Amino acid sequence: MNKEKIREIVEEIVKNSLKKDKMVPIAASNRHIHLSPEHVERLFGRGYELTKLKELSQPNQFAAKETVTLIGPKGRIHNVRVLGPARGSTQVEVSLFDGFTLGVKPPIRNSGDIKGSESITIQGPKGQITIREGLICAARHIHMHKSDGESFGVNDGDLVQVKVDGVRGIIFSNVLIRISSKYKLEMHIDLDEANAAGIKNGQLGEIIATLSPNQVGGE
């Protein structure tokens, strides 16, 4: 049996164990930006294509070698990583603390929900753009494959509570479930949340409850 087959078997065993106990691996997401094809060209040059730096945990997603600078009314943040591939609309994801640095108030939104969100100026090596909306603080969420959703007994769009043990143990509420055949099991939080709870990448959280609508708070 070759090493690749052994790795696949081990991953499957671990995955089945996580499903049984409703455990989810957690990843802390640093500030980053998704660019539309038009904005890739305006920031990096006509005909430019993003260069893959490394694969991300979600299939077919990658961190690009390219970075940009975010410019707000009160400050700048340099070396903000571009994620690929290019997508339909430009979306910038930062933490609330980053918002203080920039002098803006990014709303807490689910990815893709950018209507009426914050404006920001983006500087690249070949140009600068200002988007009227698109700057958000991404709401905590869990990516799941369809088979994970079935095993965990949750549906796309559900909100759950996730318990994380440790010295600064915490229960995260209002965690959105996102299910797709393109996803791999992983919970995403931002650096503010991870630092507050002392969470490291790969640490496990346990889904302990599914929230009904009247239990859900929001903006």
N, C-alpha and C. Protein backbone atom coordinates (compact mmCIF):
# COMPACT_ATOMS: atom_id res chain seq x y z
N MET A 1 0.84 -1.20 0.00
CA MET A 1 0.00 0.00 0.00
C MET A 1 0.88 1.25 0.00
N ASN A 2 0.64 2.17 -0.97
CA ASN A 2 1.49 3.35 -1.06
C ASN A 2 1.10 4.40 -0.02
N LYS A 3 1.97 5.41 0.13
CA LYS A 3 1.78 6.45 1.15
C LYS A 3 0.51 7.25 0.91
N GLU A 4 0.18 7.53 -0.35
CA GLU A 4 -1.00 8.31 -0.67
C GLU A 4 -2.27 7.59 -0.22
N LYS A 5 -2.32 6.27 -0.44
CA LYS A 5 -3.49 5.49 -0.03
C LYS A 5 -3.60 5.46 1.48
N ILE A 6 -2.47 5.32 2.17
CA ILE A 6 -2.48 5.33 3.64
C ILE A 6 -2.99 6.66 4.16
N ARG A 7 -2.52 7.76 3.54
CA ARG A 7 -2.96 9.09 3.96
C ARG A 7 -4.47 9.23 3.79
N GLU A 8 -5.01 8.74 2.68
CA GLU A 8 -6.45 8.83 2.44
C GLU A 8 -7.24 8.05 3.48
N ILE A 9 -6.73 6.87 3.84
CA ILE A 9 -7.41 6.05 4.83
C ILE A 9 -7.41 6.73 6.20
N VAL A 10 -6.26 7.28 6.58
CA VAL A 10 -6.15 7.98 7.87
C VAL A 10 -7.08 9.18 7.91
N GLU A 11 -7.12 9.97 6.82
CA GLU A 11 -7.99 11.14 6.76
C GLU A 11 -9.45 10.73 6.90
N GLU A 12 -9.84 9.62 6.29
CA GLU A 12 -11.21 9.16 6.35
C GLU A 12 -11.57 8.73 7.77
N ILE A 13 -10.64 8.05 8.45
CA ILE A 13 -10.87 7.62 9.83
C ILE A 13 -11.06 8.84 10.74
N VAL A 14 -10.18 9.82 10.59
CA VAL A 14 -10.27 11.05 11.40
C VAL A 14 -11.58 11.78 11.11
N LYS A 15 -11.94 11.86 9.84
CA LYS A 15 -13.16 12.56 9.44
C LYS A 15 -14.39 11.90 10.05
N ASN A 16 -14.45 10.57 10.02
CA ASN A 16 -15.59 9.85 10.59
C ASN A 16 -15.67 10.03 12.10
N SER A 17 -14.50 10.09 12.75
CA SER A 17 -14.46 10.32 14.19
C SER A 17 -14.99 11.70 14.54
N LEU A 18 -14.62 12.71 13.75
CA LEU A 18 -15.09 14.08 13.99
C LEU A 18 -16.61 14.16 13.84
N LYS A 19 -17.15 13.50 12.82
CA LYS A 19 -18.59 13.52 12.59
C LYS A 19 -19.34 12.90 13.75
N LYS A 20 -18.82 11.81 14.27
CA LYS A 20 -19.48 11.11 15.37
C LYS A 20 -19.64 12.00 16.58
N ASP A 21 -18.64 12.76 16.90
CA ASP A 21 -18.66 13.62 18.08
C ASP A 21 -19.03 15.07 17.75
N LYS A 22 -19.43 15.34 16.50
CA LYS A 22 -19.78 16.68 16.05
C LYS A 22 -18.65 17.67 16.29
N MET A 23 -17.43 17.23 16.00
CA MET A 23 -16.26 18.08 16.16
C MET A 23 -15.87 18.69 14.82
N VAL A 24 -15.45 19.94 14.87
CA VAL A 24 -15.12 20.69 13.66
C VAL A 24 -13.75 21.35 13.82
N PRO A 25 -12.83 21.17 12.86
CA PRO A 25 -11.55 21.89 12.92
C PRO A 25 -11.76 23.37 12.65
N ILE A 26 -11.00 24.21 13.34
CA ILE A 26 -11.16 25.66 13.26
C ILE A 26 -9.95 26.29 12.60
N ALA A 27 -10.20 27.30 11.78
CA ALA A 27 -9.12 28.07 11.15
C ALA A 27 -9.38 29.56 11.37
N ALA A 28 -8.33 30.27 11.78
CA ALA A 28 -8.43 31.72 11.96
C ALA A 28 -8.06 32.39 10.64
N SER A 29 -8.96 33.21 10.15
CA SER A 29 -8.77 33.86 8.85
C SER A 29 -8.23 35.27 9.03
N ASN A 30 -7.05 35.52 8.47
CA ASN A 30 -6.47 36.86 8.51
C ASN A 30 -7.14 37.74 7.45
N ARG A 31 -6.95 39.04 7.54
CA ARG A 31 -7.49 39.96 6.54
C ARG A 31 -7.06 39.53 5.13
N HIS A 32 -7.97 39.65 4.17
CA HIS A 32 -7.66 39.28 2.80
C HIS A 32 -8.66 39.92 1.85
N ILE A 33 -8.42 39.75 0.57
CA ILE A 33 -9.29 40.36 -0.43
C ILE A 33 -9.54 39.41 -1.59
N HIS A 34 -10.78 39.41 -2.06
CA HIS A 34 -11.17 38.71 -3.29
C HIS A 34 -11.41 39.79 -4.34
N LEU A 35 -10.79 39.65 -5.50
CA LEU A 35 -10.90 40.66 -6.54
C LEU A 35 -11.69 40.16 -7.74
N SER A 36 -12.45 41.06 -8.35
CA SER A 36 -13.10 40.75 -9.61
C SER A 36 -12.03 40.77 -10.71
N PRO A 37 -12.27 40.10 -11.85
CA PRO A 37 -11.29 40.13 -12.94
C PRO A 37 -10.96 41.56 -13.38
N GLU A 38 -11.97 42.43 -13.40
CA GLU A 38 -11.74 43.83 -13.81
C GLU A 38 -10.78 44.52 -12.84
N HIS A 39 -10.98 44.29 -11.55
CA HIS A 39 -10.14 44.96 -10.57
C HIS A 39 -8.73 44.37 -10.50
N VAL A 40 -8.59 43.08 -10.84
CA VAL A 40 -7.25 42.50 -10.96
C VAL A 40 -6.45 43.28 -11.99
N GLU A 41 -7.06 43.56 -13.13
CA GLU A 41 -6.38 44.28 -14.19
C GLU A 41 -6.10 45.73 -13.81
N ARG A 42 -7.04 46.36 -13.14
CA ARG A 42 -6.84 47.78 -12.78
C ARG A 42 -5.75 47.95 -11.72
N LEU A 43 -5.59 46.94 -10.87
CA LEU A 43 -4.57 47.04 -9.81
C LEU A 43 -3.21 46.50 -10.23
N PHE A 44 -3.21 45.51 -11.14
CA PHE A 44 -1.95 44.84 -11.49
C PHE A 44 -1.57 44.94 -12.96
N GLY A 45 -2.45 45.46 -13.80
CA GLY A 45 -2.10 45.65 -15.20
C GLY A 45 -2.99 44.87 -16.15
N ARG A 46 -3.12 45.38 -17.36
CA ARG A 46 -3.97 44.75 -18.36
C ARG A 46 -3.54 43.31 -18.65
N GLY A 47 -4.51 42.41 -18.64
CA GLY A 47 -4.26 41.00 -18.93
C GLY A 47 -3.61 40.23 -17.81
N TYR A 48 -3.48 40.85 -16.63
CA TYR A 48 -2.78 40.20 -15.52
C TYR A 48 -3.62 39.05 -14.95
N GLU A 49 -2.94 37.98 -14.56
CA GLU A 49 -3.59 36.86 -13.90
C GLU A 49 -2.89 36.59 -12.57
N LEU A 50 -3.68 36.26 -11.56
CA LEU A 50 -3.14 36.01 -10.23
C LEU A 50 -2.20 34.80 -10.25
N THR A 51 -1.16 34.87 -9.42
CA THR A 51 -0.15 33.81 -9.33
C THR A 51 -0.35 33.02 -8.05
N LYS A 52 -0.52 31.71 -8.17
CA LYS A 52 -0.78 30.88 -7.01
C LYS A 52 0.45 30.79 -6.11
N LEU A 53 0.27 31.09 -4.82
CA LEU A 53 1.32 30.95 -3.82
C LEU A 53 1.19 29.62 -3.10
N LYS A 54 -0.02 29.33 -2.62
CA LYS A 54 -0.27 28.05 -1.96
C LYS A 54 -1.76 27.73 -1.99
N GLU A 55 -2.06 26.46 -1.94
CA GLU A 55 -3.45 26.01 -1.89
C GLU A 55 -4.05 26.33 -0.52
N LEU A 56 -5.34 26.64 -0.50
CA LEU A 56 -6.06 26.82 0.76
C LEU A 56 -6.82 25.55 1.09
N SER A 57 -7.38 25.51 2.29
CA SER A 57 -8.05 24.29 2.74
C SER A 57 -9.29 23.98 1.91
N GLN A 58 -9.99 25.02 1.44
CA GLN A 58 -11.17 24.78 0.62
C GLN A 58 -10.75 24.46 -0.81
N PRO A 59 -11.33 23.43 -1.41
CA PRO A 59 -10.92 22.99 -2.75
C PRO A 59 -10.96 24.11 -3.78
N ASN A 60 -9.93 24.16 -4.63
CA ASN A 60 -9.82 25.09 -5.75
C ASN A 60 -9.65 26.55 -5.34
N GLN A 61 -9.37 26.79 -4.08
CA GLN A 61 -9.09 28.15 -3.60
C GLN A 61 -7.60 28.26 -3.28
N PHE A 62 -7.03 29.44 -3.51
CA PHE A 62 -5.60 29.59 -3.24
C PHE A 62 -5.25 30.99 -2.77
N ALA A 63 -4.16 31.07 -2.02
CA ALA A 63 -3.57 32.35 -1.66
C ALA A 63 -2.64 32.74 -2.80
N ALA A 64 -2.80 33.96 -3.30
CA ALA A 64 -1.97 34.43 -4.40
C ALA A 64 -0.70 35.10 -3.88
N LYS A 65 0.29 35.19 -4.73
CA LYS A 65 1.51 35.90 -4.36
C LYS A 65 1.25 37.41 -4.22
N GLU A 66 0.23 37.87 -4.90
CA GLU A 66 -0.06 39.31 -4.95
C GLU A 66 -0.65 39.82 -3.64
N THR A 67 -0.29 41.04 -3.29
CA THR A 67 -0.86 41.73 -2.14
C THR A 67 -1.23 43.16 -2.54
N VAL A 68 -2.08 43.78 -1.72
CA VAL A 68 -2.49 45.16 -1.97
C VAL A 68 -2.42 45.94 -0.66
N THR A 69 -2.60 47.24 -0.76
CA THR A 69 -2.67 48.11 0.42
C THR A 69 -4.09 48.65 0.55
N LEU A 70 -4.65 48.56 1.75
CA LEU A 70 -5.96 49.15 2.03
C LEU A 70 -5.76 50.54 2.60
N ILE A 71 -6.51 51.50 2.09
CA ILE A 71 -6.37 52.89 2.51
C ILE A 71 -7.71 53.39 3.04
N GLY A 72 -7.73 53.76 4.31
CA GLY A 72 -8.93 54.30 4.92
C GLY A 72 -8.75 55.74 5.32
N PRO A 73 -9.77 56.35 5.91
CA PRO A 73 -9.69 57.76 6.31
C PRO A 73 -8.61 58.05 7.36
N LYS A 74 -8.28 57.04 8.18
CA LYS A 74 -7.35 57.28 9.28
C LYS A 74 -6.04 56.49 9.18
N GLY A 75 -5.96 55.53 8.28
CA GLY A 75 -4.74 54.73 8.23
C GLY A 75 -4.71 53.78 7.06
N ARG A 76 -3.59 53.06 6.97
CA ARG A 76 -3.38 52.10 5.90
C ARG A 76 -2.98 50.74 6.47
N ILE A 77 -3.32 49.69 5.73
CA ILE A 77 -2.85 48.35 6.06
C ILE A 77 -2.17 47.80 4.81
N HIS A 78 -0.89 47.50 4.92
CA HIS A 78 -0.11 47.03 3.79
C HIS A 78 -0.11 45.49 3.72
N ASN A 79 0.26 44.99 2.57
CA ASN A 79 0.48 43.54 2.36
C ASN A 79 -0.75 42.70 2.68
N VAL A 80 -1.89 43.15 2.21
CA VAL A 80 -3.13 42.39 2.37
C VAL A 80 -3.20 41.35 1.25
N ARG A 81 -3.28 40.09 1.63
CA ARG A 81 -3.19 38.99 0.67
C ARG A 81 -4.41 38.91 -0.24
N VAL A 82 -4.15 38.71 -1.53
CA VAL A 82 -5.22 38.46 -2.49
C VAL A 82 -5.46 36.95 -2.54
N LEU A 83 -6.74 36.56 -2.51
CA LEU A 83 -7.09 35.15 -2.65
C LEU A 83 -7.69 34.91 -4.03
N GLY A 84 -7.41 33.75 -4.58
CA GLY A 84 -7.91 33.43 -5.90
C GLY A 84 -8.74 32.16 -5.90
N PRO A 85 -9.39 31.89 -7.03
CA PRO A 85 -9.34 32.68 -8.27
C PRO A 85 -10.19 33.93 -8.18
N ALA A 86 -10.09 34.81 -9.20
CA ALA A 86 -10.90 36.02 -9.24
C ALA A 86 -12.37 35.63 -9.21
N ARG A 87 -13.18 36.49 -8.61
CA ARG A 87 -14.62 36.19 -8.50
C ARG A 87 -15.44 37.36 -9.04
N GLY A 88 -16.76 37.21 -9.01
CA GLY A 88 -17.63 38.18 -9.64
C GLY A 88 -17.52 39.60 -9.10
N SER A 89 -17.50 39.74 -7.77
CA SER A 89 -17.44 41.06 -7.16
C SER A 89 -16.27 41.12 -6.18
N THR A 90 -15.66 42.30 -6.07
CA THR A 90 -14.57 42.48 -5.12
C THR A 90 -15.11 42.54 -3.70
N GLN A 91 -14.48 41.78 -2.82
CA GLN A 91 -14.88 41.73 -1.41
C GLN A 91 -13.63 41.76 -0.55
N VAL A 92 -13.59 42.68 0.41
CA VAL A 92 -12.47 42.80 1.33
C VAL A 92 -12.93 42.36 2.71
N GLU A 93 -12.20 41.42 3.31
CA GLU A 93 -12.56 40.90 4.63
C GLU A 93 -11.50 41.28 5.65
N VAL A 94 -11.91 42.03 6.67
CA VAL A 94 -11.01 42.48 7.72
C VAL A 94 -11.64 42.21 9.08
N SER A 95 -10.87 42.39 10.13
CA SER A 95 -11.41 42.26 11.49
C SER A 95 -11.94 43.61 11.94
N LEU A 96 -12.68 43.63 13.03
CA LEU A 96 -13.17 44.90 13.57
C LEU A 96 -12.02 45.78 14.01
N PHE A 97 -10.96 45.15 14.55
CA PHE A 97 -9.78 45.93 14.96
C PHE A 97 -9.14 46.59 13.74
N ASP A 98 -9.08 45.88 12.61
CA ASP A 98 -8.57 46.47 11.38
C ASP A 98 -9.39 47.70 11.00
N GLY A 99 -10.70 47.64 11.26
CA GLY A 99 -11.56 48.77 10.97
C GLY A 99 -11.15 50.01 11.74
N PHE A 100 -10.77 49.82 13.02
CA PHE A 100 -10.29 50.95 13.82
C PHE A 100 -9.01 51.54 13.20
N THR A 101 -8.12 50.65 12.75
CA THR A 101 -6.87 51.11 12.13
C THR A 101 -7.14 51.95 10.89
N LEU A 102 -8.10 51.51 10.09
CA LEU A 102 -8.41 52.19 8.83
C LEU A 102 -9.31 53.41 9.03
N GLY A 103 -10.04 53.42 10.14
CA GLY A 103 -11.00 54.50 10.36
C GLY A 103 -12.34 54.26 9.70
N VAL A 104 -12.73 52.99 9.58
CA VAL A 104 -14.01 52.63 8.97
C VAL A 104 -14.72 51.64 9.89
N LYS A 105 -16.01 51.37 9.58
CA LYS A 105 -16.80 50.46 10.38
C LYS A 105 -17.34 49.34 9.50
N PRO A 106 -16.55 48.28 9.30
CA PRO A 106 -17.03 47.18 8.46
C PRO A 106 -18.18 46.45 9.15
N PRO A 107 -19.30 46.26 8.47
CA PRO A 107 -20.41 45.51 9.07
C PRO A 107 -20.09 44.02 9.12
N ILE A 108 -20.64 43.33 10.10
CA ILE A 108 -20.48 41.87 10.19
C ILE A 108 -21.48 41.24 9.24
N ARG A 109 -20.96 40.61 8.22
CA ARG A 109 -21.80 40.06 7.14
C ARG A 109 -21.35 38.66 6.75
N ASN A 110 -22.30 37.90 6.19
CA ASN A 110 -21.94 36.64 5.56
C ASN A 110 -21.22 36.95 4.24
N SER A 111 -20.28 36.12 3.88
CA SER A 111 -19.53 36.32 2.64
C SER A 111 -20.49 36.43 1.46
N GLY A 112 -20.28 37.43 0.61
CA GLY A 112 -21.13 37.66 -0.53
C GLY A 112 -22.21 38.68 -0.29
N ASP A 113 -22.51 38.96 0.97
CA ASP A 113 -23.53 39.95 1.31
C ASP A 113 -22.86 41.31 1.49
N ILE A 114 -22.64 42.00 0.40
CA ILE A 114 -21.88 43.25 0.47
C ILE A 114 -22.73 44.49 0.18
N LYS A 115 -24.01 44.33 -0.13
CA LYS A 115 -24.85 45.48 -0.45
C LYS A 115 -24.92 46.43 0.75
N GLY A 116 -24.57 47.69 0.51
CA GLY A 116 -24.62 48.69 1.56
C GLY A 116 -23.51 48.58 2.59
N SER A 117 -22.49 47.78 2.30
CA SER A 117 -21.37 47.63 3.23
C SER A 117 -20.41 48.81 3.08
N GLU A 118 -19.25 48.74 3.72
CA GLU A 118 -18.33 49.86 3.82
C GLU A 118 -17.51 50.06 2.54
N SER A 119 -17.15 51.30 2.32
CA SER A 119 -16.28 51.67 1.19
C SER A 119 -14.82 51.63 1.63
N ILE A 120 -13.93 51.38 0.66
CA ILE A 120 -12.49 51.35 0.96
C ILE A 120 -11.71 51.62 -0.32
N THR A 121 -10.53 52.19 -0.16
CA THR A 121 -9.63 52.40 -1.31
C THR A 121 -8.57 51.30 -1.30
N ILE A 122 -8.28 50.76 -2.48
CA ILE A 122 -7.34 49.65 -2.63
C ILE A 122 -6.22 50.09 -3.57
N GLN A 123 -4.98 49.96 -3.10
CA GLN A 123 -3.82 50.35 -3.90
C GLN A 123 -3.06 49.12 -4.36
N GLY A 124 -2.81 49.01 -5.66
CA GLY A 124 -1.98 47.96 -6.22
C GLY A 124 -0.77 48.56 -6.89
N PRO A 125 0.11 47.74 -7.43
CA PRO A 125 1.34 48.25 -8.06
C PRO A 125 1.10 49.03 -9.34
N LYS A 126 -0.05 48.81 -9.98
CA LYS A 126 -0.32 49.47 -11.26
C LYS A 126 -1.52 50.41 -11.23
N GLY A 127 -2.14 50.54 -10.08
CA GLY A 127 -3.31 51.41 -10.03
C GLY A 127 -3.97 51.42 -8.67
N GLN A 128 -4.98 52.27 -8.54
CA GLN A 128 -5.71 52.42 -7.29
C GLN A 128 -7.20 52.51 -7.60
N ILE A 129 -8.02 51.87 -6.79
CA ILE A 129 -9.47 51.93 -6.97
C ILE A 129 -10.13 52.21 -5.63
N THR A 130 -11.31 52.78 -5.67
CA THR A 130 -12.14 52.94 -4.48
C THR A 130 -13.46 52.24 -4.74
N ILE A 131 -13.78 51.27 -3.91
CA ILE A 131 -15.06 50.57 -4.06
C ILE A 131 -16.07 51.20 -3.11
N ARG A 132 -17.28 51.41 -3.59
CA ARG A 132 -18.32 52.05 -2.78
C ARG A 132 -18.84 51.11 -1.69
N GLU A 133 -18.78 49.83 -1.95
CA GLU A 133 -19.20 48.81 -0.98
C GLU A 133 -18.38 47.56 -1.23
N GLY A 134 -18.24 46.74 -0.19
CA GLY A 134 -17.46 45.51 -0.36
C GLY A 134 -16.55 45.20 0.81
N LEU A 135 -16.39 46.16 1.74
CA LEU A 135 -15.56 45.91 2.93
C LEU A 135 -16.44 45.39 4.04
N ILE A 136 -16.15 44.18 4.53
CA ILE A 136 -16.95 43.57 5.59
C ILE A 136 -16.04 42.91 6.62
N CYS A 137 -16.64 42.61 7.77
CA CYS A 137 -16.05 41.69 8.74
C CYS A 137 -16.85 40.40 8.60
N ALA A 138 -16.21 39.34 8.14
CA ALA A 138 -16.93 38.11 7.81
C ALA A 138 -17.51 37.46 9.06
N ALA A 139 -18.79 37.12 9.00
CA ALA A 139 -19.44 36.41 10.11
C ALA A 139 -18.85 35.01 10.24
N ARG A 140 -18.73 34.55 11.48
CA ARG A 140 -18.21 33.19 11.70
C ARG A 140 -19.10 32.17 11.01
N HIS A 141 -18.48 31.14 10.45
CA HIS A 141 -19.24 30.16 9.68
C HIS A 141 -18.50 28.83 9.62
N ILE A 142 -19.23 27.79 9.21
CA ILE A 142 -18.65 26.46 9.04
C ILE A 142 -18.91 25.98 7.62
N HIS A 143 -17.85 25.65 6.91
CA HIS A 143 -17.97 25.01 5.60
C HIS A 143 -18.19 23.52 5.82
N MET A 144 -19.15 22.95 5.11
CA MET A 144 -19.41 21.51 5.19
C MET A 144 -19.69 20.95 3.80
N HIS A 145 -19.19 19.75 3.56
CA HIS A 145 -19.62 18.98 2.39
C HIS A 145 -21.03 18.48 2.67
N LYS A 146 -21.76 18.14 1.62
CA LYS A 146 -23.13 17.63 1.79
C LYS A 146 -23.17 16.43 2.73
N SER A 147 -22.18 15.56 2.63
CA SER A 147 -22.16 14.37 3.50
C SER A 147 -21.94 14.76 4.96
N ASP A 148 -21.19 15.85 5.20
CA ASP A 148 -21.00 16.33 6.56
C ASP A 148 -22.31 16.83 7.14
N GLY A 149 -23.05 17.58 6.32
CA GLY A 149 -24.34 18.11 6.79
C GLY A 149 -25.28 16.99 7.21
N GLU A 150 -25.29 15.92 6.42
CA GLU A 150 -26.14 14.78 6.75
C GLU A 150 -25.69 14.12 8.06
N SER A 151 -24.39 13.95 8.22
CA SER A 151 -23.86 13.31 9.43
C SER A 151 -24.08 14.15 10.68
N PHE A 152 -23.96 15.48 10.53
CA PHE A 152 -24.12 16.38 11.67
C PHE A 152 -25.59 16.71 11.93
N GLY A 153 -26.48 16.39 10.99
CA GLY A 153 -27.89 16.68 11.16
C GLY A 153 -28.23 18.15 11.04
N VAL A 154 -27.51 18.87 10.15
CA VAL A 154 -27.76 20.30 9.95
C VAL A 154 -27.99 20.58 8.48
N ASN A 155 -28.58 21.73 8.21
CA ASN A 155 -28.89 22.13 6.85
C ASN A 155 -28.18 23.43 6.50
N ASP A 156 -28.01 23.65 5.21
CA ASP A 156 -27.41 24.90 4.75
C ASP A 156 -28.23 26.08 5.26
N GLY A 157 -27.57 27.06 5.87
CA GLY A 157 -28.26 28.23 6.41
C GLY A 157 -28.60 28.13 7.88
N ASP A 158 -28.45 26.95 8.48
CA ASP A 158 -28.68 26.81 9.92
C ASP A 158 -27.67 27.64 10.70
N LEU A 159 -28.03 28.02 11.91
CA LEU A 159 -27.11 28.68 12.83
C LEU A 159 -26.92 27.78 14.04
N VAL A 160 -25.67 27.59 14.44
CA VAL A 160 -25.37 26.66 15.52
C VAL A 160 -24.50 27.33 16.57
N GLN A 161 -24.36 26.65 17.71
CA GLN A 161 -23.41 27.04 18.74
C GLN A 161 -22.25 26.07 18.72
N VAL A 162 -21.03 26.61 18.89
CA VAL A 162 -19.83 25.78 18.88
C VAL A 162 -19.03 26.05 20.15
N LYS A 163 -18.75 24.98 20.88
CA LYS A 163 -17.99 25.08 22.12
C LYS A 163 -16.53 24.75 21.86
N VAL A 164 -15.63 25.59 22.37
CA VAL A 164 -14.20 25.37 22.23
C VAL A 164 -13.59 25.35 23.63
N ASP A 165 -12.93 24.25 23.97
CA ASP A 165 -12.30 24.12 25.28
C ASP A 165 -10.93 24.81 25.30
N GLY A 166 -10.39 24.98 26.49
CA GLY A 166 -9.08 25.59 26.64
C GLY A 166 -9.06 26.56 27.80
N VAL A 167 -7.89 27.16 28.03
CA VAL A 167 -7.74 28.11 29.12
C VAL A 167 -8.73 29.25 29.00
N ARG A 168 -9.00 29.68 27.78
CA ARG A 168 -9.96 30.75 27.53
C ARG A 168 -11.16 30.19 26.77
N GLY A 169 -11.63 29.03 27.24
CA GLY A 169 -12.74 28.34 26.59
C GLY A 169 -13.92 29.26 26.31
N ILE A 170 -14.63 28.96 25.23
CA ILE A 170 -15.68 29.87 24.78
C ILE A 170 -16.75 29.10 24.04
N ILE A 171 -17.96 29.68 23.99
CA ILE A 171 -19.03 29.15 23.15
C ILE A 171 -19.37 30.22 22.12
N PHE A 172 -19.19 29.89 20.84
CA PHE A 172 -19.54 30.79 19.75
C PHE A 172 -21.00 30.55 19.37
N SER A 173 -21.80 31.61 19.35
CA SER A 173 -23.18 31.51 18.89
C SER A 173 -23.29 32.08 17.48
N ASN A 174 -24.44 31.84 16.86
CA ASN A 174 -24.72 32.39 15.53
C ASN A 174 -23.66 32.01 14.50
N VAL A 175 -23.26 30.74 14.52
CA VAL A 175 -22.29 30.25 13.54
C VAL A 175 -23.07 29.69 12.35
N LEU A 176 -22.87 30.29 11.20
CA LEU A 176 -23.62 29.90 10.00
C LEU A 176 -23.09 28.61 9.40
N ILE A 177 -24.00 27.72 9.05
CA ILE A 177 -23.65 26.49 8.33
C ILE A 177 -23.75 26.75 6.83
N ARG A 178 -22.66 26.47 6.11
CA ARG A 178 -22.64 26.61 4.66
C ARG A 178 -22.30 25.25 4.05
N ILE A 179 -23.23 24.70 3.29
CA ILE A 179 -23.07 23.34 2.76
C ILE A 179 -22.99 23.36 1.24
N SER A 180 -22.00 22.65 0.72
CA SER A 180 -21.83 22.53 -0.73
C SER A 180 -20.97 21.31 -1.02
N SER A 181 -21.18 20.73 -2.18
CA SER A 181 -20.34 19.60 -2.60
C SER A 181 -18.91 20.06 -2.86
N LYS A 182 -18.70 21.40 -2.92
CA LYS A 182 -17.37 21.95 -3.17
C LYS A 182 -16.60 22.23 -1.89
N TYR A 183 -17.25 22.08 -0.73
CA TYR A 183 -16.63 22.48 0.53
C TYR A 183 -15.98 21.31 1.28
N LYS A 184 -15.04 21.68 2.14
CA LYS A 184 -14.39 20.76 3.05
C LYS A 184 -14.67 21.22 4.47
N LEU A 185 -14.87 20.28 5.40
CA LEU A 185 -15.27 20.60 6.76
C LEU A 185 -14.25 21.50 7.45
N GLU A 186 -14.70 22.72 7.83
CA GLU A 186 -13.83 23.64 8.55
C GLU A 186 -14.63 24.86 9.00
N MET A 187 -14.38 25.29 10.24
CA MET A 187 -15.00 26.50 10.77
C MET A 187 -14.03 27.66 10.61
N HIS A 188 -14.56 28.81 10.17
CA HIS A 188 -13.74 29.99 9.97
C HIS A 188 -14.15 31.10 10.93
N ILE A 189 -13.17 31.64 11.65
CA ILE A 189 -13.36 32.80 12.50
C ILE A 189 -12.27 33.81 12.14
N ASP A 190 -12.42 35.06 12.59
CA ASP A 190 -11.36 36.02 12.27
C ASP A 190 -10.33 36.06 13.40
N LEU A 191 -9.25 36.82 13.18
CA LEU A 191 -8.15 36.84 14.15
C LEU A 191 -8.56 37.44 15.49
N ASP A 192 -9.46 38.43 15.48
CA ASP A 192 -9.94 38.98 16.75
C ASP A 192 -10.56 37.89 17.61
N GLU A 193 -11.42 37.08 16.99
CA GLU A 193 -12.10 36.02 17.72
C GLU A 193 -11.12 34.95 18.19
N ALA A 194 -10.20 34.59 17.31
CA ALA A 194 -9.22 33.55 17.66
C ALA A 194 -8.32 34.01 18.80
N ASN A 195 -7.83 35.24 18.73
CA ASN A 195 -6.94 35.74 19.78
C ASN A 195 -7.66 35.88 21.11
N ALA A 196 -8.92 36.31 21.08
CA ALA A 196 -9.68 36.48 22.32
C ALA A 196 -9.86 35.16 23.06
N ALA A 197 -9.99 34.07 22.29
CA ALA A 197 -10.22 32.76 22.90
C ALA A 197 -8.96 31.89 22.93
N GLY A 198 -7.83 32.41 22.47
CA GLY A 198 -6.60 31.64 22.46
C GLY A 198 -6.65 30.43 21.55
N ILE A 199 -7.32 30.56 20.41
CA ILE A 199 -7.52 29.43 19.50
C ILE A 199 -6.42 29.38 18.45
N LYS A 200 -5.89 28.17 18.24
CA LYS A 200 -4.87 27.95 17.23
C LYS A 200 -5.48 27.23 16.02
N ASN A 201 -4.91 27.45 14.85
CA ASN A 201 -5.40 26.76 13.66
C ASN A 201 -5.36 25.25 13.85
N GLY A 202 -6.45 24.60 13.49
CA GLY A 202 -6.53 23.16 13.63
C GLY A 202 -7.18 22.71 14.92
N GLN A 203 -7.35 23.63 15.87
CA GLN A 203 -8.01 23.27 17.12
C GLN A 203 -9.46 22.87 16.83
N LEU A 204 -10.01 22.01 17.67
CA LEU A 204 -11.35 21.49 17.41
C LEU A 204 -12.40 22.21 18.24
N GLY A 205 -13.57 22.39 17.63
CA GLY A 205 -14.74 22.89 18.33
C GLY A 205 -15.86 21.87 18.21
N GLU A 206 -16.78 21.89 19.16
CA GLU A 206 -17.89 20.93 19.18
C GLU A 206 -19.21 21.65 18.95
N ILE A 207 -19.96 21.21 17.95
CA ILE A 207 -21.31 21.76 17.73
C ILE A 207 -22.21 21.22 18.84
N ILE A 208 -22.73 22.12 19.66
CA ILE A 208 -23.52 21.68 20.82
C ILE A 208 -24.99 22.02 20.70
N ALA A 209 -25.38 22.86 19.75
CA ALA A 209 -26.79 23.21 19.62
C ALA A 209 -27.05 23.85 18.27
N THR A 210 -28.28 23.64 17.77
CA THR A 210 -28.75 24.36 16.60
C THR A 210 -29.75 25.39 17.08
N LEU A 211 -29.58 26.64 16.67
CA LEU A 211 -30.40 27.73 17.18
C LEU A 211 -31.66 27.91 16.35
N SER A 212 -32.78 28.13 17.04
CA SER A 212 -34.01 28.49 16.35
C SER A 212 -34.00 29.99 16.09
N PRO A 213 -34.83 30.48 15.15
CA PRO A 213 -34.78 31.90 14.81
C PRO A 213 -34.92 32.86 15.99
N ASN A 214 -35.78 32.51 16.98
CA ASN A 214 -35.96 33.44 18.09
C ASN A 214 -34.81 33.42 19.09
N GLN A 215 -33.84 32.55 18.86
CA GLN A 215 -32.66 32.51 19.71
C GLN A 215 -31.50 33.28 19.09
N VAL A 216 -31.69 33.73 17.87
CA VAL A 216 -30.60 34.32 17.12
C VAL A 216 -30.60 35.84 17.27
N GLY A 217 -29.44 36.37 17.67
CA GLY A 217 -29.27 37.81 17.72
C GLY A 217 -28.58 38.29 16.48
N GLY A 218 -28.53 39.58 16.25
CA GLY A 218 -27.84 40.10 15.07
C GLY A 218 -27.73 41.59 15.12
N GLU A 219 -27.28 42.13 13.99
CA GLU A 219 -27.10 43.58 13.92
C GLU A 219 -28.46 44.27 13.84
